[in-house]
Amino acid sequence: QRSNWGTGLKAEFNKIIWPLKEQLAKETGAVVAASVVLGVII
């Protein structure tokens, strides 16, 4: 069971599509900007 669990976990991690650094930076900037704007409105 442990072996099957480890194999399954590795298979799931191989399915992950990690974002590029540029995409991650843009999305992080958008979240920060939206948070600041919402904070100012509140």
PDB file of all heavy atoms in Angstrom:
ATOM      1  N   GLN A   1       0.834  -1.203   0.000  1.00  0.00           N
ATOM      2  CA  GLN A   1       0.000   0.000   0.000  1.00  0.00           C
ATOM      3  C   GLN A   1       0.868   1.252   0.000  1.00  0.00           C
ATOM      4  O   GLN A   1       0.577   2.212  -0.716  1.00  0.00           O
ATOM      5  CB  GLN A   1      -0.923   0.003   1.219  1.00  0.00           C
ATOM      6  CG  GLN A   1      -2.055  -0.979   1.136  1.00  0.00           C
ATOM      7  CD  GLN A   1      -2.889  -1.013   2.412  1.00  0.00           C
ATOM      8  OE1 GLN A   1      -2.510  -0.444   3.426  1.00  0.00           O
ATOM      9  NE2 GLN A   1      -4.016  -1.697   2.343  1.00  0.00           N
ATOM     10  N   ARG A   2       1.934   1.247   0.787  1.00  0.00           N
ATOM     11  CA  ARG A   2       2.840   2.406   0.817  1.00  0.00           C
ATOM     12  C   ARG A   2       3.509   2.608  -0.532  1.00  0.00           C
ATOM     13  O   ARG A   2       3.660   3.726  -1.008  1.00  0.00           O
ATOM     14  CB  ARG A   2       3.900   2.218   1.899  1.00  0.00           C
ATOM     15  CG  ARG A   2       3.376   2.386   3.281  1.00  0.00           C
ATOM     16  CD  ARG A   2       4.477   2.248   4.296  1.00  0.00           C
ATOM     17  NE  ARG A   2       3.936   2.317   5.649  1.00  0.00           N
ATOM     18  CZ  ARG A   2       4.578   1.929   6.719  1.00  0.00           C
ATOM     19  NH1 ARG A   2       5.798   1.421   6.613  1.00  0.00           N
ATOM     20  NH2 ARG A   2       4.032   2.033   7.902  1.00  0.00           N
ATOM     21  N   SER A   3       3.916   1.526  -1.146  1.00  0.00           N
ATOM     22  CA  SER A   3       4.562   1.597  -2.449  1.00  0.00           C
ATOM     23  C   SER A   3       3.595   2.134  -3.493  1.00  0.00           C
ATOM     24  O   SER A   3       3.963   2.989  -4.303  1.00  0.00           O
ATOM     25  CB  SER A   3       5.071   0.219  -2.859  1.00  0.00           C
ATOM     26  OG  SER A   3       5.612   0.255  -4.154  1.00  0.00           O
ATOM     27  N   ASN A   4       2.357   1.645  -3.471  1.00  0.00           N
ATOM     28  CA  ASN A   4       1.349   2.120  -4.421  1.00  0.00           C
ATOM     29  C   ASN A   4       1.041   3.592  -4.192  1.00  0.00           C
ATOM     30  O   ASN A   4       0.850   4.350  -5.137  1.00  0.00           O
ATOM     31  CB  ASN A   4       0.073   1.291  -4.300  1.00  0.00           C
ATOM     32  CG  ASN A   4       0.234  -0.106  -4.865  1.00  0.00           C
ATOM     33  OD1 ASN A   4       1.150  -0.376  -5.630  1.00  0.00           O
ATOM     34  ND2 ASN A   4      -0.639  -1.009  -4.452  1.00  0.00           N
ATOM     35  N   TRP A   5       0.981   3.985  -2.918  1.00  0.00           N
ATOM     36  CA  TRP A   5       0.705   5.381  -2.604  1.00  0.00           C
ATOM     37  C   TRP A   5       1.830   6.275  -3.132  1.00  0.00           C
ATOM     38  O   TRP A   5       1.576   7.315  -3.731  1.00  0.00           O
ATOM     39  CB  TRP A   5       0.557   5.552  -1.093  1.00  0.00           C
ATOM     40  CG  TRP A   5       0.249   6.955  -0.690  1.00  0.00           C
ATOM     41  CD1 TRP A   5      -0.959   7.575  -0.709  1.00  0.00           C
ATOM     42  CD2 TRP A   5       1.184   7.939  -0.224  1.00  0.00           C
ATOM     43  NE1 TRP A   5      -0.844   8.871  -0.279  1.00  0.00           N
ATOM     44  CE2 TRP A   5       0.470   9.119   0.024  1.00  0.00           C
ATOM     45  CE3 TRP A   5       2.558   7.915   0.000  1.00  0.00           C
ATOM     46  CZ2 TRP A   5       1.079  10.274   0.495  1.00  0.00           C
ATOM     47  CZ3 TRP A   5       3.160   9.071   0.465  1.00  0.00           C
ATOM     48  CH2 TRP A   5       2.424  10.233   0.708  1.00  0.00           C
ATOM     49  N   GLY A   6       3.079   5.857  -2.904  1.00  0.00           N
ATOM     50  CA  GLY A   6       4.224   6.635  -3.379  1.00  0.00           C
ATOM     51  C   GLY A   6       4.263   6.726  -4.896  1.00  0.00           C
ATOM     52  O   GLY A   6       4.534   7.776  -5.463  1.00  0.00           O
ATOM     53  N   THR A   7       3.954   5.619  -5.559  1.00  0.00           N
ATOM     54  CA  THR A   7       3.927   5.608  -7.023  1.00  0.00           C
ATOM     55  C   THR A   7       2.824   6.524  -7.538  1.00  0.00           C
ATOM     56  O   THR A   7       3.027   7.292  -8.485  1.00  0.00           O
ATOM     57  CB  THR A   7       3.701   4.173  -7.537  1.00  0.00           C
ATOM     58  OG1 THR A   7       4.731   3.333  -7.005  1.00  0.00           O
ATOM     59  CG2 THR A   7       3.737   4.126  -9.047  1.00  0.00           C
ATOM     60  N   GLY A   8       1.656   6.458  -6.899  1.00  0.00           N
ATOM     61  CA  GLY A   8       0.542   7.324  -7.297  1.00  0.00           C
ATOM     62  C   GLY A   8       0.852   8.786  -7.074  1.00  0.00           C
ATOM     63  O   GLY A   8       0.517   9.642  -7.900  1.00  0.00           O
ATOM     64  N   LEU A   9       1.493   9.079  -5.952  1.00  0.00           N
ATOM     65  CA  LEU A   9       1.857  10.460  -5.655  1.00  0.00           C
ATOM     66  C   LEU A   9       2.833  11.002  -6.691  1.00  0.00           C
ATOM     67  O   LEU A   9       2.669  12.120  -7.189  1.00  0.00           O
ATOM     68  CB  LEU A   9       2.473  10.547  -4.260  1.00  0.00           C
ATOM     69  CG  LEU A   9       2.844  11.937  -3.764  1.00  0.00           C
ATOM     70  CD1 LEU A   9       1.598  12.797  -3.615  1.00  0.00           C
ATOM     71  CD2 LEU A   9       3.574  11.827  -2.433  1.00  0.00           C
ATOM     72  N   LYS A  10       3.821  10.200  -7.043  1.00  0.00           N
ATOM     73  CA  LYS A  10       4.801  10.625  -8.054  1.00  0.00           C
ATOM     74  C   LYS A  10       4.118  10.847  -9.405  1.00  0.00           C
ATOM     75  O   LYS A  10       4.417  11.820 -10.105  1.00  0.00           O
ATOM     76  CB  LYS A  10       5.901   9.570  -8.191  1.00  0.00           C
ATOM     77  CG  LYS A  10       7.016   9.982  -9.111  1.00  0.00           C
ATOM     78  CD  LYS A  10       8.135   8.975  -9.138  1.00  0.00           C
ATOM     79  CE  LYS A  10       9.240   9.421 -10.074  1.00  0.00           C
ATOM     80  NZ  LYS A  10      10.327   8.458 -10.156  1.00  0.00           N
ATOM     81  N   ALA A  11       3.178   9.989  -9.757  1.00  0.00           N
ATOM     82  CA  ALA A  11       2.452  10.136 -11.021  1.00  0.00           C
ATOM     83  C   ALA A  11       1.643  11.433 -11.029  1.00  0.00           C
ATOM     84  O   ALA A  11       1.588  12.135 -12.047  1.00  0.00           O
ATOM     85  CB  ALA A  11       1.536   8.938 -11.242  1.00  0.00           C
ATOM     86  N   GLU A  12       1.019  11.764  -9.904  1.00  0.00           N
ATOM     87  CA  GLU A  12       0.241  13.002  -9.831  1.00  0.00           C
ATOM     88  C   GLU A  12       1.146  14.225  -9.921  1.00  0.00           C
ATOM     89  O   GLU A  12       0.796  15.214 -10.568  1.00  0.00           O
ATOM     90  CB  GLU A  12      -0.574  13.040  -8.538  1.00  0.00           C
ATOM     91  CG  GLU A  12      -1.722  12.051  -8.502  1.00  0.00           C
ATOM     92  CD  GLU A  12      -2.730  12.255  -9.616  1.00  0.00           C
ATOM     93  OE1 GLU A  12      -3.078  13.419  -9.917  1.00  0.00           O
ATOM     94  OE2 GLU A  12      -3.153  11.250 -10.200  1.00  0.00           O
ATOM     95  N   PHE A  13       2.305  14.188  -9.271  1.00  0.00           N
ATOM     96  CA  PHE A  13       3.234  15.315  -9.355  1.00  0.00           C
ATOM     97  C   PHE A  13       3.740  15.501 -10.777  1.00  0.00           C
ATOM     98  O   PHE A  13       4.008  16.629 -11.201  1.00  0.00           O
ATOM     99  CB  PHE A  13       4.416  15.123  -8.394  1.00  0.00           C
ATOM    100  CG  PHE A  13       4.213  15.805  -7.078  1.00  0.00           C
ATOM    101  CD1 PHE A  13       3.749  15.095  -5.980  1.00  0.00           C
ATOM    102  CD2 PHE A  13       4.481  17.150  -6.937  1.00  0.00           C
ATOM    103  CE1 PHE A  13       3.558  15.726  -4.769  1.00  0.00           C
ATOM    104  CE2 PHE A  13       4.292  17.787  -5.724  1.00  0.00           C
ATOM    105  CZ  PHE A  13       3.834  17.079  -4.634  1.00  0.00           C
ATOM    106  N   ASN A  14       3.872  14.434 -11.535  1.00  0.00           N
ATOM    107  CA  ASN A  14       4.317  14.554 -12.925  1.00  0.00           C
ATOM    108  C   ASN A  14       3.256  15.199 -13.811  1.00  0.00           C
ATOM    109  O   ASN A  14       3.570  15.696 -14.884  1.00  0.00           O
ATOM    110  CB  ASN A  14       4.697  13.184 -13.479  1.00  0.00           C
ATOM    111  CG  ASN A  14       5.993  12.674 -12.893  1.00  0.00           C
ATOM    112  OD1 ASN A  14       6.835  13.450 -12.461  1.00  0.00           O
ATOM    113  ND2 ASN A  14       6.155  11.353 -12.858  1.00  0.00           N
ATOM    114  N   LYS A  15       2.002  15.216 -13.377  1.00  0.00           N
ATOM    115  CA  LYS A  15       0.921  15.833 -14.147  1.00  0.00           C
ATOM    116  C   LYS A  15       0.845  17.342 -13.945  1.00  0.00           C
ATOM    117  O   LYS A  15       0.191  18.034 -14.704  1.00  0.00           O
ATOM    118  CB  LYS A  15      -0.429  15.229 -13.741  1.00  0.00           C
ATOM    119  CG  LYS A  15      -0.601  13.784 -14.138  1.00  0.00           C
ATOM    120  CD  LYS A  15      -1.966  13.286 -13.674  1.00  0.00           C
ATOM    121  CE  LYS A  15      -2.149  11.805 -13.898  1.00  0.00           C
ATOM    122  NZ  LYS A  15      -3.462  11.337 -13.408  1.00  0.00           N
ATOM    123  N   ILE A  16       1.516  17.852 -12.926  1.00  0.00           N
ATOM    124  CA  ILE A  16       1.441  19.274 -12.611  1.00  0.00           C
ATOM    125  C   ILE A  16       2.150  20.082 -13.693  1.00  0.00           C
ATOM    126  O   ILE A  16       3.263  19.769 -14.095  1.00  0.00           O
ATOM    127  CB  ILE A  16       2.074  19.567 -11.235  1.00  0.00           C
ATOM    128  CG1 ILE A  16       1.300  18.856 -10.139  1.00  0.00           C
ATOM    129  CG2 ILE A  16       2.139  21.065 -10.986  1.00  0.00           C
ATOM    130  CD1 ILE A  16       1.946  18.962  -8.769  1.00  0.00           C
ATOM    131  N   ILE A  17       1.488  21.141 -14.131  1.00  0.00           N
ATOM    132  CA  ILE A  17       2.094  22.073 -15.084  1.00  0.00           C
ATOM    133  C   ILE A  17       2.456  23.324 -14.298  1.00  0.00           C
ATOM    134  O   ILE A  17       1.583  24.103 -13.903  1.00  0.00           O
ATOM    135  CB  ILE A  17       1.125  22.411 -16.234  1.00  0.00           C
ATOM    136  CG1 ILE A  17       0.755  21.144 -16.992  1.00  0.00           C
ATOM    137  CG2 ILE A  17       1.749  23.440 -17.165  1.00  0.00           C
ATOM    138  CD1 ILE A  17      -0.330  21.341 -18.023  1.00  0.00           C
ATOM    139  N   TRP A  18       3.733  23.496 -14.021  1.00  0.00           N
ATOM    140  CA  TRP A  18       4.180  24.619 -13.218  1.00  0.00           C
ATOM    141  C   TRP A  18       4.228  25.879 -14.087  1.00  0.00           C
ATOM    142  O   TRP A  18       4.641  25.843 -15.245  1.00  0.00           O
ATOM    143  CB  TRP A  18       5.559  24.333 -12.636  1.00  0.00           C
ATOM    144  CG  TRP A  18       5.554  23.142 -11.732  1.00  0.00           C
ATOM    145  CD1 TRP A  18       5.968  21.889 -12.037  1.00  0.00           C
ATOM    146  CD2 TRP A  18       5.073  23.087 -10.388  1.00  0.00           C
ATOM    147  NE1 TRP A  18       5.785  21.058 -10.958  1.00  0.00           N
ATOM    148  CE2 TRP A  18       5.244  21.761  -9.942  1.00  0.00           C
ATOM    149  CE3 TRP A  18       4.521  24.029  -9.521  1.00  0.00           C
ATOM    150  CZ2 TRP A  18       4.872  21.373  -8.661  1.00  0.00           C
ATOM    151  CZ3 TRP A  18       4.162  23.625  -8.248  1.00  0.00           C
ATOM    152  CH2 TRP A  18       4.345  22.316  -7.836  1.00  0.00           C
ATOM    153  N   PRO A  19       3.808  27.041 -13.549  1.00  0.00           N
ATOM    154  CA  PRO A  19       3.823  28.275 -14.340  1.00  0.00           C
ATOM    155  C   PRO A  19       5.251  28.774 -14.552  1.00  0.00           C
ATOM    156  O   PRO A  19       6.147  28.500 -13.754  1.00  0.00           O
ATOM    157  CB  PRO A  19       3.030  29.252 -13.477  1.00  0.00           C
ATOM    158  CG  PRO A  19       3.159  28.733 -12.083  1.00  0.00           C
ATOM    159  CD  PRO A  19       3.257  27.242 -12.216  1.00  0.00           C
ATOM    160  N   LEU A  20       5.416  29.534 -15.634  1.00  0.00           N
ATOM    161  CA  LEU A  20       6.705  30.168 -15.894  1.00  0.00           C
ATOM    162  C   LEU A  20       6.901  31.324 -14.921  1.00  0.00           C
ATOM    163  O   LEU A  20       5.935  31.865 -14.360  1.00  0.00           O
ATOM    164  CB  LEU A  20       6.746  30.688 -17.328  1.00  0.00           C
ATOM    165  CG  LEU A  20       6.580  29.634 -18.430  1.00  0.00           C
ATOM    166  CD1 LEU A  20       6.503  30.312 -19.791  1.00  0.00           C
ATOM    167  CD2 LEU A  20       7.720  28.636 -18.389  1.00  0.00           C
ATOM    168  N   LYS A  21       8.152  31.723 -14.708  1.00  0.00           N
ATOM    169  CA  LYS A  21       8.440  32.804 -13.763  1.00  0.00           C
ATOM    170  C   LYS A  21       7.734  34.097 -14.168  1.00  0.00           C
ATOM    171  O   LYS A  21       7.227  34.823 -13.316  1.00  0.00           O
ATOM    172  CB  LYS A  21       9.944  33.043 -13.673  1.00  0.00           C
ATOM    173  CG  LYS A  21      10.686  31.985 -12.909  1.00  0.00           C
ATOM    174  CD  LYS A  21      12.162  32.332 -12.782  1.00  0.00           C
ATOM    175  CE  LYS A  21      12.899  31.244 -12.022  1.00  0.00           C
ATOM    176  NZ  LYS A  21      14.320  31.573 -11.857  1.00  0.00           N
ATOM    177  N   GLU A  22       7.709  34.389 -15.463  1.00  0.00           N
ATOM    178  CA  GLU A  22       7.075  35.617 -15.941  1.00  0.00           C
ATOM    179  C   GLU A  22       5.579  35.606 -15.649  1.00  0.00           C
ATOM    180  O   GLU A  22       5.010  36.599 -15.196  1.00  0.00           O
ATOM    181  CB  GLU A  22       7.307  35.798 -17.450  1.00  0.00           C
ATOM    182  CG  GLU A  22       8.754  35.993 -17.827  1.00  0.00           C
ATOM    183  CD  GLU A  22       9.526  34.686 -17.950  1.00  0.00           C
ATOM    184  OE1 GLU A  22       8.899  33.607 -18.017  1.00  0.00           O
ATOM    185  OE2 GLU A  22      10.762  34.734 -17.953  1.00  0.00           O
ATOM    186  N   GLN A  23       4.937  34.470 -15.916  1.00  0.00           N
ATOM    187  CA  GLN A  23       3.498  34.340 -15.663  1.00  0.00           C
ATOM    188  C   GLN A  23       3.219  34.467 -14.166  1.00  0.00           C
ATOM    189  O   GLN A  23       2.276  35.148 -13.754  1.00  0.00           O
ATOM    190  CB  GLN A  23       2.990  33.002 -16.189  1.00  0.00           C
ATOM    191  CG  GLN A  23       1.506  32.786 -15.981  1.00  0.00           C
ATOM    192  CD  GLN A  23       1.060  31.397 -16.432  1.00  0.00           C
ATOM    193  OE1 GLN A  23       1.878  30.569 -16.812  1.00  0.00           O
ATOM    194  NE2 GLN A  23      -0.227  31.146 -16.356  1.00  0.00           N
ATOM    195  N   LEU A  24       4.031  33.833 -13.362  1.00  0.00           N
ATOM    196  CA  LEU A  24       3.860  33.883 -11.910  1.00  0.00           C
ATOM    197  C   LEU A  24       4.030  35.312 -11.402  1.00  0.00           C
ATOM    198  O   LEU A  24       3.258  35.767 -10.548  1.00  0.00           O
ATOM    199  CB  LEU A  24       4.864  32.955 -11.234  1.00  0.00           C
ATOM    200  CG  LEU A  24       4.732  32.790  -9.729  1.00  0.00           C
ATOM    201  CD1 LEU A  24       3.388  32.191  -9.362  1.00  0.00           C
ATOM    202  CD2 LEU A  24       5.861  31.911  -9.212  1.00  0.00           C
ATOM    203  N   ALA A  25       5.001  36.037 -11.939  1.00  0.00           N
ATOM    204  CA  ALA A  25       5.236  37.421 -11.520  1.00  0.00           C
ATOM    205  C   ALA A  25       4.052  38.301 -11.896  1.00  0.00           C
ATOM    206  O   ALA A  25       3.605  39.135 -11.097  1.00  0.00           O
ATOM    207  CB  ALA A  25       6.515  37.951 -12.156  1.00  0.00           C
ATOM    208  N   LYS A  26       3.504  38.124 -13.100  1.00  0.00           N
ATOM    209  CA  LYS A  26       2.349  38.916 -13.530  1.00  0.00           C
ATOM    210  C   LYS A  26       1.130  38.640 -12.657  1.00  0.00           C
ATOM    211  O   LYS A  26       0.420  39.561 -12.246  1.00  0.00           O
ATOM    212  CB  LYS A  26       2.012  38.609 -14.996  1.00  0.00           C
ATOM    213  CG  LYS A  26       2.967  39.196 -15.983  1.00  0.00           C
ATOM    214  CD  LYS A  26       2.559  38.850 -17.403  1.00  0.00           C
ATOM    215  CE  LYS A  26       3.572  39.345 -18.413  1.00  0.00           C
ATOM    216  NZ  LYS A  26       3.210  38.983 -19.795  1.00  0.00           N
ATOM    217  N   GLU A  27       0.879  37.376 -12.394  1.00  0.00           N
ATOM    218  CA  GLU A  27      -0.288  37.015 -11.588  1.00  0.00           C
ATOM    219  C   GLU A  27      -0.127  37.493 -10.143  1.00  0.00           C
ATOM    220  O   GLU A  27      -1.088  37.954  -9.535  1.00  0.00           O
ATOM    221  CB  GLU A  27      -0.515  35.507 -11.635  1.00  0.00           C
ATOM    222  CG  GLU A  27      -0.966  35.041 -12.999  1.00  0.00           C
ATOM    223  CD  GLU A  27      -1.083  33.534 -13.129  1.00  0.00           C
ATOM    224  OE1 GLU A  27      -0.820  32.819 -12.133  1.00  0.00           O
ATOM    225  OE2 GLU A  27      -1.429  33.065 -14.219  1.00  0.00           O
ATOM    226  N   THR A  28       1.085  37.425  -9.618  1.00  0.00           N
ATOM    227  CA  THR A  28       1.336  37.917  -8.266  1.00  0.00           C
ATOM    228  C   THR A  28       1.133  39.427  -8.209  1.00  0.00           C
ATOM    229  O   THR A  28       0.519  39.949  -7.272  1.00  0.00           O
ATOM    230  CB  THR A  28       2.765  37.557  -7.817  1.00  0.00           C
ATOM    231  OG1 THR A  28       2.908  36.140  -7.861  1.00  0.00           O
ATOM    232  CG2 THR A  28       3.051  38.064  -6.422  1.00  0.00           C
ATOM    233  N   GLY A  29       1.617  40.123  -9.224  1.00  0.00           N
ATOM    234  CA  GLY A  29       1.425  41.573  -9.295  1.00  0.00           C
ATOM    235  C   GLY A  29      -0.049  41.941  -9.368  1.00  0.00           C
ATOM    236  O   GLY A  29      -0.490  42.901  -8.728  1.00  0.00           O
ATOM    237  N   ALA A  30      -0.822  41.172 -10.124  1.00  0.00           N
ATOM    238  CA  ALA A  30      -2.252  41.439 -10.232  1.00  0.00           C
ATOM    239  C   ALA A  30      -2.944  41.242  -8.887  1.00  0.00           C
ATOM    240  O   ALA A  30      -3.806  42.035  -8.495  1.00  0.00           O
ATOM    241  CB  ALA A  30      -2.878  40.533 -11.289  1.00  0.00           C
ATOM    242  N   VAL A  31      -2.573  40.203  -8.168  1.00  0.00           N
ATOM    243  CA  VAL A  31      -3.180  39.942  -6.854  1.00  0.00           C
ATOM    244  C   VAL A  31      -2.811  41.049  -5.873  1.00  0.00           C
ATOM    245  O   VAL A  31      -3.669  41.538  -5.124  1.00  0.00           O
ATOM    246  CB  VAL A  31      -2.751  38.562  -6.317  1.00  0.00           C
ATOM    247  CG1 VAL A  31      -3.141  38.390  -4.865  1.00  0.00           C
ATOM    248  CG2 VAL A  31      -3.357  37.458  -7.161  1.00  0.00           C
ATOM    249  N   VAL A  32      -1.548  41.463  -5.873  1.00  0.00           N
ATOM    250  CA  VAL A  32      -1.114  42.527  -4.966  1.00  0.00           C
ATOM    251  C   VAL A  32      -1.828  43.832  -5.304  1.00  0.00           C
ATOM    252  O   VAL A  32      -2.322  44.539  -4.409  1.00  0.00           O
ATOM    253  CB  VAL A  32       0.421  42.701  -5.011  1.00  0.00           C
ATOM    254  CG1 VAL A  32       0.856  43.956  -4.277  1.00  0.00           C
ATOM    255  CG2 VAL A  32       1.099  41.477  -4.423  1.00  0.00           C
ATOM    256  N   ALA A  33      -1.916  44.168  -6.587  1.00  0.00           N
ATOM    257  CA  ALA A  33      -2.589  45.402  -7.002  1.00  0.00           C
ATOM    258  C   ALA A  33      -4.062  45.381  -6.612  1.00  0.00           C
ATOM    259  O   ALA A  33      -4.593  46.371  -6.093  1.00  0.00           O
ATOM    260  CB  ALA A  33      -2.436  45.600  -8.509  1.00  0.00           C
ATOM    261  N   ALA A  34      -4.726  44.265  -6.853  1.00  0.00           N
ATOM    262  CA  ALA A  34      -6.144  44.151  -6.494  1.00  0.00           C
ATOM    263  C   ALA A  34      -6.327  44.270  -4.982  1.00  0.00           C
ATOM    264  O   ALA A  34      -7.281  44.913  -4.514  1.00  0.00           O
ATOM    265  CB  ALA A  34      -6.710  42.833  -6.996  1.00  0.00           C
ATOM    266  N   SER A  35      -5.416  43.697  -4.220  1.00  0.00           N
ATOM    267  CA  SER A  35      -5.505  43.782  -2.758  1.00  0.00           C
ATOM    268  C   SER A  35      -5.325  45.218  -2.277  1.00  0.00           C
ATOM    269  O   SER A  35      -6.038  45.677  -1.378  1.00  0.00           O
ATOM    270  CB  SER A  35      -4.445  42.891  -2.109  1.00  0.00           C
ATOM    271  OG  SER A  35      -4.665  41.544  -2.449  1.00  0.00           O
ATOM    272  N   VAL A  36      -4.385  45.932  -2.876  1.00  0.00           N
ATOM    273  CA  VAL A  36      -4.154  47.327  -2.484  1.00  0.00           C
ATOM    274  C   VAL A  36      -5.370  48.181  -2.834  1.00  0.00           C
ATOM    275  O   VAL A  36      -5.841  48.984  -2.017  1.00  0.00           O
ATOM    276  CB  VAL A  36      -2.874  47.877  -3.157  1.00  0.00           C
ATOM    277  CG1 VAL A  36      -2.764  49.381  -2.998  1.00  0.00           C
ATOM    278  CG2 VAL A  36      -1.645  47.183  -2.587  1.00  0.00           C
ATOM    279  N   VAL A  37      -5.904  48.007  -4.034  1.00  0.00           N
ATOM    280  CA  VAL A  37      -7.074  48.785  -4.454  1.00  0.00           C
ATOM    281  C   VAL A  37      -8.255  48.494  -3.533  1.00  0.00           C
ATOM    282  O   VAL A  37      -8.947  49.415  -3.077  1.00  0.00           O
ATOM    283  CB  VAL A  37      -7.428  48.491  -5.929  1.00  0.00           C
ATOM    284  CG1 VAL A  37      -8.782  49.061  -6.298  1.00  0.00           C
ATOM    285  CG2 VAL A  37      -6.342  49.046  -6.845  1.00  0.00           C
ATOM    286  N   LEU A  38      -8.493  47.240  -3.247  1.00  0.00           N
ATOM    287  CA  LEU A  38      -9.592  46.872  -2.363  1.00  0.00           C
ATOM    288  C   LEU A  38      -9.369  47.429  -0.958  1.00  0.00           C
ATOM    289  O   LEU A  38     -10.310  47.912  -0.315  1.00  0.00           O
ATOM    290  CB  LEU A  38      -9.745  45.358  -2.314  1.00  0.00           C
ATOM    291  CG  LEU A  38     -10.963  44.821  -1.567  1.00  0.00           C
ATOM    292  CD1 LEU A  38     -12.256  45.345  -2.180  1.00  0.00           C
ATOM    293  CD2 LEU A  38     -10.954  43.312  -1.579  1.00  0.00           C
ATOM    294  N   GLY A  39      -8.140  47.397  -0.479  1.00  0.00           N
ATOM    295  CA  GLY A  39      -7.830  47.970   0.828  1.00  0.00           C
ATOM    296  C   GLY A  39      -8.104  49.457   0.878  1.00  0.00           C
ATOM    297  O   GLY A  39      -8.637  49.976   1.871  1.00  0.00           O
ATOM    298  N   VAL A  40      -7.746  50.171  -0.178  1.00  0.00           N
ATOM    299  CA  VAL A  40      -7.999  51.625  -0.240  1.00  0.00           C
ATOM    300  C   VAL A  40      -9.500  51.891  -0.263  1.00  0.00           C
ATOM    301  O   VAL A  40      -9.992  52.796   0.434  1.00  0.00           O
ATOM    302  CB  VAL A  40      -7.297  52.244  -1.465  1.00  0.00           C
ATOM    303  CG1 VAL A  40      -7.762  53.669  -1.709  1.00  0.00           C
ATOM    304  CG2 VAL A  40      -5.788  52.197  -1.283  1.00  0.00           C
ATOM    305  N   ILE A  41     -10.243  51.115  -1.037  1.00  0.00           N
ATOM    306  CA  ILE A  41     -11.700  51.297  -1.103  1.00  0.00           C
ATOM    307  C   ILE A  41     -12.333  51.062   0.263  1.00  0.00           C
ATOM    308  O   ILE A  41     -13.171  51.845   0.721  1.00  0.00           O
ATOM    309  CB  ILE A  41     -12.316  50.362  -2.168  1.00  0.00           C
ATOM    310  CG1 ILE A  41     -11.901  50.824  -3.565  1.00  0.00           C
ATOM    311  CG2 ILE A  41     -13.840  50.314  -2.051  1.00  0.00           C
ATOM    312  CD1 ILE A  41     -12.266  49.854  -4.666  1.00  0.00           C
ATOM    313  N   ILE A  42     -11.920  50.010   0.943  1.00  0.00           N
ATOM    314  CA  ILE A  42     -12.470  49.721   2.265  1.00  0.00           C
ATOM    315  C   ILE A  42     -12.100  50.827   3.254  1.00  0.00           C
ATOM    316  O   ILE A  42     -12.934  51.245   4.068  1.00  0.00           O
ATOM    317  CB  ILE A  42     -11.983  48.342   2.765  1.00  0.00           C
ATOM    318  CG1 ILE A  42     -12.633  47.242   1.924  1.00  0.00           C
ATOM    319  CG2 ILE A  42     -12.289  48.149   4.236  1.00  0.00           C
ATOM    320  CD1 ILE A  42     -12.093  45.854   2.190  1.00  0.00           C
TER     321      ILE A  42
END
